[in-house]
C-alpha atoms as a PDB file:
ATOM      1  CA  MET A   1     -76.665 -51.856  33.451  1.00  0.00           C
ATOM      2  CA  GLU A   2     -75.708 -52.333  29.852  1.00  0.00           C
ATOM      3  CA  CYS A   3     -72.716 -51.727  27.618  1.00  0.00           C
ATOM      4  CA  VAL A   4     -73.377 -50.304  24.165  1.00  0.00           C
ATOM      5  CA  VAL A   5     -71.686 -49.100  20.992  1.00  0.00           C
ATOM      6  CA  GLN A   6     -73.325 -47.812  17.826  1.00  0.00           C
ATOM      7  CA  GLY A   7     -72.464 -47.163  14.223  1.00  0.00           C
ATOM      8  CA  ILE A   8     -74.045 -46.499  10.859  1.00  0.00           C
ATOM      9  CA  ILE A   9     -73.856 -48.419   7.614  1.00  0.00           C
ATOM     10  CA  GLU A  10     -75.030 -47.605   4.117  1.00  0.00           C
ATOM     11  CA  THR A  11     -78.166 -49.552   3.216  1.00  0.00           C
ATOM     12  CA  GLN A  12     -76.444 -50.999   0.147  1.00  0.00           C
ATOM     13  CA  HIS A  13     -73.980 -52.824   2.441  1.00  0.00           C
ATOM     14  CA  VAL A  14     -76.534 -54.192   4.930  1.00  0.00           C
ATOM     15  CA  GLU A  15     -76.839 -57.521   3.114  1.00  0.00           C
ATOM     16  CA  ALA A  16     -73.082 -58.032   3.358  1.00  0.00           C
ATOM     17  CA  LEU A  17     -73.224 -57.261   7.094  1.00  0.00           C
ATOM     18  CA  GLU A  18     -76.024 -59.801   7.472  1.00  0.00           C
ATOM     19  CA  ILE A  19     -73.887 -62.431   5.718  1.00  0.00           C
ATOM     20  CA  LEU A  20     -70.993 -61.669   8.086  1.00  0.00           C
ATOM     21  CA  LEU A  21     -73.176 -61.860  11.201  1.00  0.00           C
ATOM     22  CA  GLN A  22     -74.843 -65.039   9.946  1.00  0.00           C
ATOM     23  CA  GLY A  23     -71.432 -66.649   9.503  1.00  0.00           C
ATOM     24  CA  LEU A  24     -70.325 -65.599  12.979  1.00  0.00           C
ATOM     25  CA  SER A  25     -73.503 -66.777  14.705  1.00  0.00           C
ATOM     26  CA  GLY A  26     -74.452 -69.889  12.761  1.00  0.00           C
ATOM     27  CA  VAL A  27     -78.135 -69.302  13.541  1.00  0.00           C
ATOM     28  CA  PRO A  28     -80.894 -67.534  11.570  1.00  0.00           C
ATOM     29  CA  LYS A  29     -81.462 -63.840  12.075  1.00  0.00           C
ATOM     30  CA  GLU A  30     -84.246 -62.547  14.274  1.00  0.00           C
ATOM     31  CA  ARG A  31     -86.591 -60.145  12.539  1.00  0.00           C
ATOM     32  CA  VAL A  32     -87.089 -56.795  14.262  1.00  0.00           C
ATOM     33  CA  LYS A  33     -90.177 -54.624  13.953  1.00  0.00           C
ATOM     34  CA  VAL A  34     -90.605 -52.406  16.989  1.00  0.00           C
ATOM     35  CA  HIS A  35     -92.974 -49.497  17.508  1.00  0.00           C
ATOM     36  CA  GLU A  36     -91.194 -47.185  19.955  1.00  0.00           C
ATOM     37  CA  LEU A  37     -92.904 -44.337  21.788  1.00  0.00           C
ATOM     38  CA  CYS A  38     -90.863 -41.818  23.753  1.00  0.00           C
ATOM     39  CA  LEU A  39     -92.724 -40.247  26.675  1.00  0.00           C
ATOM     40  CA  LYS A  40     -91.583 -37.311  28.781  1.00  0.00           C
ATOM     41  CA  SER A  41     -92.880 -36.324  32.180  1.00  0.00           C
ATOM     42  CA  GLY A  42     -95.064 -33.289  32.747  1.00  0.00           C
ATOM     43  CA  THR A  43     -94.437 -30.499  35.242  1.00  0.00           C
ATOM     44  CA  ASN A  44     -96.669 -32.231  37.784  1.00  0.00           C
ATOM     45  CA  LEU A  45     -94.003 -34.913  38.230  1.00  0.00           C
ATOM     46  CA  GLY A  46     -91.211 -32.600  39.350  1.00  0.00           C
ATOM     47  CA  VAL A  47     -88.734 -30.137  37.915  1.00  0.00           C
ATOM     48  CA  VAL A  48     -86.322 -32.851  36.731  1.00  0.00           C
ATOM     49  CA  ALA A  49     -87.560 -34.257  33.420  1.00  0.00           C
ATOM     50  CA  SER A  50     -88.050 -37.995  33.201  1.00  0.00           C
ATOM     51  CA  GLU A  51     -88.125 -40.022  29.994  1.00  0.00           C
ATOM     52  CA  VAL A  52     -89.386 -43.544  29.364  1.00  0.00           C
ATOM     53  CA  ARG A  53     -89.730 -45.536  26.168  1.00  0.00           C
ATOM     54  CA  LEU A  54     -92.568 -47.912  25.417  1.00  0.00           C
ATOM     55  CA  LEU A  55     -91.614 -50.647  22.978  1.00  0.00           C
ATOM     56  CA  CYS A  56     -94.173 -52.793  21.171  1.00  0.00           C
ATOM     57  CA  ASP A  57     -92.707 -55.893  19.498  1.00  0.00           C
ATOM     58  CA  LEU A  58     -94.791 -56.278  16.332  1.00  0.00           C
ATOM     59  CA  GLU A  59     -93.009 -59.470  15.245  1.00  0.00           C
ATOM     60  CA  GLN A  60     -94.682 -61.458  18.025  1.00  0.00           C
ATOM     61  CA  PRO A  61     -97.944 -63.315  17.231  1.00  0.00           C
ATOM     62  CA  MET A  62     -99.463 -61.287  20.049  1.00  0.00           C
ATOM     63  CA  PRO A  63     -97.679 -57.881  20.178  1.00  0.00           C
ATOM     64  CA  SER A  64     -96.134 -57.370  23.616  1.00  0.00           C
ATOM     65  CA  TRP A  65     -95.164 -54.139  25.380  1.00  0.00           C
ATOM     66  CA  THR A  66     -91.983 -53.334  27.270  1.00  0.00           C
ATOM     67  CA  VAL A  67     -91.232 -50.265  29.383  1.00  0.00           C
ATOM     68  CA  ARG A  68     -87.602 -49.174  29.061  1.00  0.00           C
ATOM     69  CA  HIS A  69     -85.837 -46.497  31.095  1.00  0.00           C
ATOM     70  CA  VAL A  70     -82.280 -45.582  30.163  1.00  0.00           C
ATOM     71  CA  GLY A  71     -80.374 -43.758  32.879  1.00  0.00           C
ATOM     72  CA  GLY A  72     -77.225 -41.731  32.781  1.00  0.00           C
ATOM     73  CA  ALA A  73     -73.908 -42.965  31.482  1.00  0.00           C
ATOM     74  CA  MET A  74     -71.092 -43.912  33.843  1.00  0.00           C
ATOM     75  CA  ARG A  75     -68.662 -41.039  34.324  1.00  0.00           C
ATOM     76  CA  GLY A  76     -65.169 -40.567  35.639  1.00  0.00           C
ATOM     77  CA  ALA A  77     -61.676 -41.697  34.708  1.00  0.00           C
ATOM     78  CA  GLY A  78     -62.748 -45.342  34.434  1.00  0.00           C
ATOM     79  CA  ALA A  79     -65.463 -44.524  31.920  1.00  0.00           C
ATOM     80  CA  GLU A  80     -63.087 -42.494  29.758  1.00  0.00           C
ATOM     81  CA  GLN A  81     -60.635 -45.388  29.496  1.00  0.00           C
ATOM     82  CA  ILE A  82     -63.065 -47.885  27.959  1.00  0.00           C
ATOM     83  CA  SER A  83     -64.307 -47.733  24.372  1.00  0.00           C
ATOM     84  CA  VAL A  84     -67.963 -48.566  25.105  1.00  0.00           C
ATOM     85  CA  LEU A  85     -70.701 -46.636  26.895  1.00  0.00           C
ATOM     86  CA  VAL A  86     -71.781 -48.082  30.255  1.00  0.00           C
ATOM     87  CA  ARG A  87     -75.205 -46.914  31.416  1.00  0.00           C
ATOM     88  CA  THR A  88     -78.011 -47.892  33.726  1.00  0.00           C
ATOM     89  CA  MET A  89     -81.008 -49.475  32.059  1.00  0.00           C
ATOM     90  CA  VAL A  90     -84.226 -50.945  33.435  1.00  0.00           C
ATOM     91  CA  GLU A  91     -86.777 -52.913  31.429  1.00  0.00           C
ATOM     92  CA  SER A  92     -90.104 -54.391  32.433  1.00  0.00           C
ATOM     93  CA  LYS A  93     -92.913 -56.151  30.582  1.00  0.00           C
ATOM     94  CA  ALA A  94     -96.211 -54.292  30.550  1.00  0.00           C
ATOM     95  CA  SER A  95     -99.820 -54.765  29.539  1.00  0.00           C
ATOM     96  CA  LYS A  96    -101.489 -53.258  26.474  1.00  0.00           C
ATOM     97  CA  ASN A  97    -102.868 -50.477  28.725  1.00  0.00           C
ATOM     98  CA  VAL A  98     -99.374 -49.154  29.492  1.00  0.00           C
ATOM     99  CA  LEU A  99     -99.705 -46.041  27.310  1.00  0.00           C
ATOM    100  CA  ARG A 100    -102.963 -45.043  28.990  1.00  0.00           C
ATOM    101  CA  PHE A 101    -101.308 -45.641  32.376  1.00  0.00           C
ATOM    102  CA  PHE A 102     -98.413 -43.257  31.681  1.00  0.00           C
ATOM    103  CA  TYR A 103    -100.764 -40.638  30.254  1.00  0.00           C
ATOM    104  CA  ALA A 104    -102.711 -40.823  33.519  1.00  0.00           C
ATOM    105  CA  LEU A 105     -99.471 -40.235  35.448  1.00  0.00           C
ATOM    106  CA  GLY A 106     -98.848 -37.038  33.517  1.00  0.00           C
ATOM    107  CA  TYR A 107     -96.432 -38.191  30.823  1.00  0.00           C
ATOM    108  CA  LYS A 108     -96.812 -36.844  27.294  1.00  0.00           C
ATOM    109  CA  LEU A 109     -95.828 -38.322  23.943  1.00  0.00           C
ATOM    110  CA  ASP A 110     -92.652 -36.671  22.656  1.00  0.00           C
ATOM    111  CA  HIS A 111     -92.164 -38.707  19.483  1.00  0.00           C
ATOM    112  CA  GLU A 112     -92.613 -42.178  18.047  1.00  0.00           C
ATOM    113  CA  ILE A 113     -90.684 -44.229  15.512  1.00  0.00           C
ATOM    114  CA  LEU A 114     -90.904 -47.618  13.861  1.00  0.00           C
ATOM    115  CA  LYS A 115     -87.678 -49.637  13.791  1.00  0.00           C
ATOM    116  CA  ILE A 116     -87.463 -52.338  11.123  1.00  0.00           C
ATOM    117  CA  GLY A 117     -84.546 -54.694  10.560  1.00  0.00           C
ATOM    118  CA  PHE A 118     -82.942 -57.764  12.066  1.00  0.00           C
ATOM    119  CA  ALA A 119     -80.863 -58.927  15.005  1.00  0.00           C
ATOM    120  CA  PHE A 120     -78.354 -61.633  15.914  1.00  0.00           C
ATOM    121  CA  ASN A 121     -77.446 -62.890  19.392  1.00  0.00           C
ATOM    122  CA  PHE A 122     -73.990 -64.107  20.407  1.00  0.00           C
ATOM    123  CA  GLN A 123     -72.371 -65.625  23.471  1.00  0.00           C
ATOM    124  CA  ARG A 124     -68.778 -64.412  23.246  1.00  0.00           C
ATOM    125  CA  GLY A 125     -67.607 -63.516  26.707  1.00  0.00           C
ATOM    126  CA  ALA A 126     -70.945 -61.755  27.208  1.00  0.00           C
ATOM    127  CA  GLN A 127     -74.521 -61.953  25.935  1.00  0.00           C
ATOM    128  CA  ILE A 128     -73.973 -59.735  22.905  1.00  0.00           C
ATOM    129  CA  ARG A 129     -76.884 -58.610  20.735  1.00  0.00           C
ATOM    130  CA  VAL A 130     -76.416 -56.899  17.377  1.00  0.00           C
ATOM    131  CA  THR A 131     -79.393 -55.052  15.862  1.00  0.00           C
ATOM    132  CA  VAL A 132     -79.472 -53.491  12.405  1.00  0.00           C
ATOM    133  CA  THR A 133     -82.472 -51.232  11.850  1.00  0.00           C
ATOM    134  CA  SER A 134     -83.884 -48.436   9.754  1.00  0.00           C
ATOM    135  CA  ALA A 135     -85.760 -45.650  11.527  1.00  0.00           C
ATOM    136  CA  ASN A 136     -89.208 -44.789  10.195  1.00  0.00           C
ATOM    137  CA  LYS A 137     -91.435 -41.910  11.245  1.00  0.00           C
ATOM    138  CA  MET A 138     -95.225 -41.850  11.377  1.00  0.00           C
ATOM    139  CA  LEU A 139     -96.971 -39.123   9.388  1.00  0.00           C
ATOM    140  CA  LYS A 140    -100.065 -39.589  11.543  1.00  0.00           C
ATOM    141  CA  LEU A 141    -100.316 -40.554  15.221  1.00  0.00           C
ATOM    142  CA  HIS A 142     -99.652 -44.316  15.662  1.00  0.00           C
ATOM    143  CA  ALA A 143    -100.073 -44.905  11.892  1.00  0.00           C
ATOM    144  CA  ILE A 144     -97.363 -47.551  11.608  1.00  0.00           C
ATOM    145  CA  ASP A 145     -98.671 -48.791   8.237  1.00  0.00           C
ATOM    146  CA  GLU A 146     -97.916 -45.380   6.756  1.00  0.00           C
ATOM    147  CA  ALA A 147     -94.427 -45.008   8.249  1.00  0.00           C
ATOM    148  CA  VAL A 148     -91.716 -43.585   5.982  1.00  0.00           C
ATOM    149  CA  THR A 149     -87.951 -44.011   6.286  1.00  0.00           C
ATOM    150  CA  VAL A 150     -86.127 -41.125   7.937  1.00  0.00           C
ATOM    151  CA  THR A 151     -82.698 -41.888   6.400  1.00  0.00           C
ATOM    152  CA  PRO A 152     -83.254 -44.090   3.323  1.00  0.00           C
ATOM    153  CA  GLY A 153     -79.567 -44.648   2.622  1.00  0.00           C
ATOM    154  CA  ILE A 154     -78.380 -45.275   6.189  1.00  0.00           C
ATOM    155  CA  GLN A 155     -79.166 -47.883   8.849  1.00  0.00           C
ATOM    156  CA  LEU A 156     -78.227 -47.964  12.519  1.00  0.00           C
ATOM    157  CA  VAL A 157     -76.144 -50.779  13.970  1.00  0.00           C
ATOM    158  CA  GLU A 158     -76.204 -51.222  17.746  1.00  0.00           C
ATOM    159  CA  VAL A 159     -74.186 -53.708  19.779  1.00  0.00           C
ATOM    160  CA  THR A 160     -75.355 -54.182  23.374  1.00  0.00           C
ATOM    161  CA  ALA A 161     -74.761 -56.536  26.281  1.00  0.00           C
ATOM    162  CA  PRO A 162     -76.128 -56.627  29.832  1.00  0.00           C
ATOM    163  CA  ALA A 163     -73.627 -55.858  32.595  1.00  0.00           C
ATOM    164  CA  THR A 164     -73.336 -55.344  36.330  1.00  0.00           C
ATOM    165  CA  ALA A 165     -71.212 -53.101  38.513  1.00  0.00           C
ATOM    166  CA  ASP A 166     -68.876 -56.068  39.044  1.00  0.00           C
ATOM    167  CA  ASN A 167     -68.338 -57.207  35.460  1.00  0.00           C
ATOM    168  CA  TYR A 168     -68.814 -54.205  33.168  1.00  0.00           C
ATOM    169  CA  ASN A 169     -65.084 -54.113  32.366  1.00  0.00           C
ATOM    170  CA  ASP A 170     -65.174 -57.719  31.125  1.00  0.00           C
ATOM    171  CA  VAL A 171     -68.348 -57.041  29.134  1.00  0.00           C
ATOM    172  CA  ALA A 172     -66.826 -53.899  27.612  1.00  0.00           C
ATOM    173  CA  ASN A 173     -63.756 -55.886  26.554  1.00  0.00           C
ATOM    174  CA  ALA A 174     -65.972 -58.580  25.028  1.00  0.00           C
ATOM    175  CA  ILE A 175     -67.855 -55.981  22.961  1.00  0.00           C
ATOM    176  CA  SER A 176     -64.609 -54.317  21.870  1.00  0.00           C
ATOM    177  CA  SER A 177     -63.197 -57.654  20.729  1.00  0.00           C
ATOM    178  CA  PHE A 178     -66.396 -58.543  18.892  1.00  0.00           C
ATOM    179  CA  SER A 179     -66.502 -55.141  17.195  1.00  0.00           C
ATOM    180  CA  GLU A 180     -63.214 -55.931  15.459  1.00  0.00           C
ATOM    181  CA  TYR A 181     -65.021 -58.520  13.316  1.00  0.00           C
ATOM    182  CA  LEU A 182     -67.256 -55.754  11.962  1.00  0.00           C
ATOM    183  CA  ALA A 183     -64.518 -53.143  11.537  1.00  0.00           C
ATOM    184  CA  PRO A 184     -64.146 -53.595   7.726  1.00  0.00           C
ATOM    185  CA  LEU A 185     -67.806 -52.587   7.299  1.00  0.00           C
ATOM    186  CA  LEU A 186     -68.452 -49.959   9.966  1.00  0.00           C
ATOM    187  CA  HIS A 187     -67.048 -47.918  12.830  1.00  0.00           C
ATOM    188  CA  LEU A 188     -68.574 -48.632  16.245  1.00  0.00           C
ATOM    189  CA  SER A 189     -68.289 -46.069  19.023  1.00  0.00           C
ATOM    190  CA  LYS A 190     -70.110 -44.707  22.050  1.00  0.00           C
ATOM    191  CA  PRO A 191     -73.590 -43.351  21.253  1.00  0.00           C
ATOM    192  CA  GLY A 192     -73.408 -39.683  20.376  1.00  0.00           C
ATOM    193  CA  VAL A 193     -69.879 -39.944  18.977  1.00  0.00           C
ATOM    194  CA  SER A 194     -70.174 -39.732  15.199  1.00  0.00           C
ATOM    195  CA  THR A 195     -67.521 -41.669  13.293  1.00  0.00           C
ATOM    196  CA  GLY A 196     -69.125 -41.731   9.845  1.00  0.00           C
ATOM    197  CA  ILE A 197     -68.869 -44.310   7.081  1.00  0.00           C
ATOM    198  CA  VAL A 198     -65.921 -46.729   6.746  1.00  0.00           C
ATOM    199  CA  LEU A 199     -63.926 -46.151   3.555  1.00  0.00           C
ATOM    200  CA  THR A 200     -63.236 -49.882   3.175  1.00  0.00           C
ATOM    201  CA  ALA A 201     -66.938 -50.819   3.424  1.00  0.00           C
ATOM    202  CA  ALA A 202     -67.552 -51.140  -0.311  1.00  0.00           C
ATOM    203  CA  ALA A 203     -64.577 -53.449  -0.884  1.00  0.00           C
ATOM    204  CA  ALA A 204     -65.333 -55.528   2.221  1.00  0.00           C
ATOM    205  CA  ALA A 205     -68.989 -55.839   1.223  1.00  0.00           C
ATOM    206  CA  ALA A 206     -68.072 -56.903  -2.311  1.00  0.00           C
ATOM    207  CA  SER A 207     -65.737 -59.576  -0.935  1.00  0.00           C
ATOM    208  CA  LEU A 208     -68.404 -60.947   1.430  1.00  0.00           C
ATOM    209  CA  MET A 209     -71.025 -60.984  -1.301  1.00  0.00           C
ATOM    210  CA  SER A 210     -68.643 -62.730  -3.680  1.00  0.00           C
ATOM    211  CA  ASN A 211     -67.739 -65.416  -1.142  1.00  0.00           C
ATOM    212  CA  ALA A 212     -71.418 -65.994  -0.419  1.00  0.00           C
ATOM    213  CA  GLY A 213     -72.299 -66.217  -4.087  1.00  0.00           C
ATOM    214  CA  GLY A 214     -74.361 -63.051  -3.812  1.00  0.00           C
ATOM    215  CA  LYS A 215     -76.933 -64.821  -1.645  1.00  0.00           C
ATOM    216  CA  THR A 216     -77.686 -64.487   2.047  1.00  0.00           C
ATOM    217  CA  LEU A 217     -76.639 -67.621   3.914  1.00  0.00           C
END
């Protein structure tokens, strides 16, 4: 399982967010460049559609593949009372032949994107990971070198942490508490719940940039 919240930030304020996250973590950022392919099952695999995502980490010296399946979100009164989304999630490392394998099973490519940005990891009551990325689409199949930005002025911020059926409440609380540090720059909410741009972002970004001398720490 994992707990997750998302938000958007204007690209012009991303450097200020990086300065804030750098100050909170005290460690250098991790560069993110991930080629993500979304596959959906064919009719030969049953009437209920199945979706998997193949992620290729292009920042590694030898690009590595991961298979990721995101299940349904937790429902019920308990889920409504917490401010983060709790969902099942399974990941597994895979070989470079993984795409051919899923094609052989009957899956078909639905879409692919290239995510470029950075990430920071924190240990604050949970193993919290913050990723800030721009989404880029390929004009030709698998042509990552020709990818173009989908939303030039906006980047996605995602805060996630692994959880179990026994501790998801504690993890959700940890993410909610951590999100307060970022509140001056962006709204974080459950995926699919649009909260828009924070009105105080420009002033908060200017303050962070001023305190940092206009340079990333």
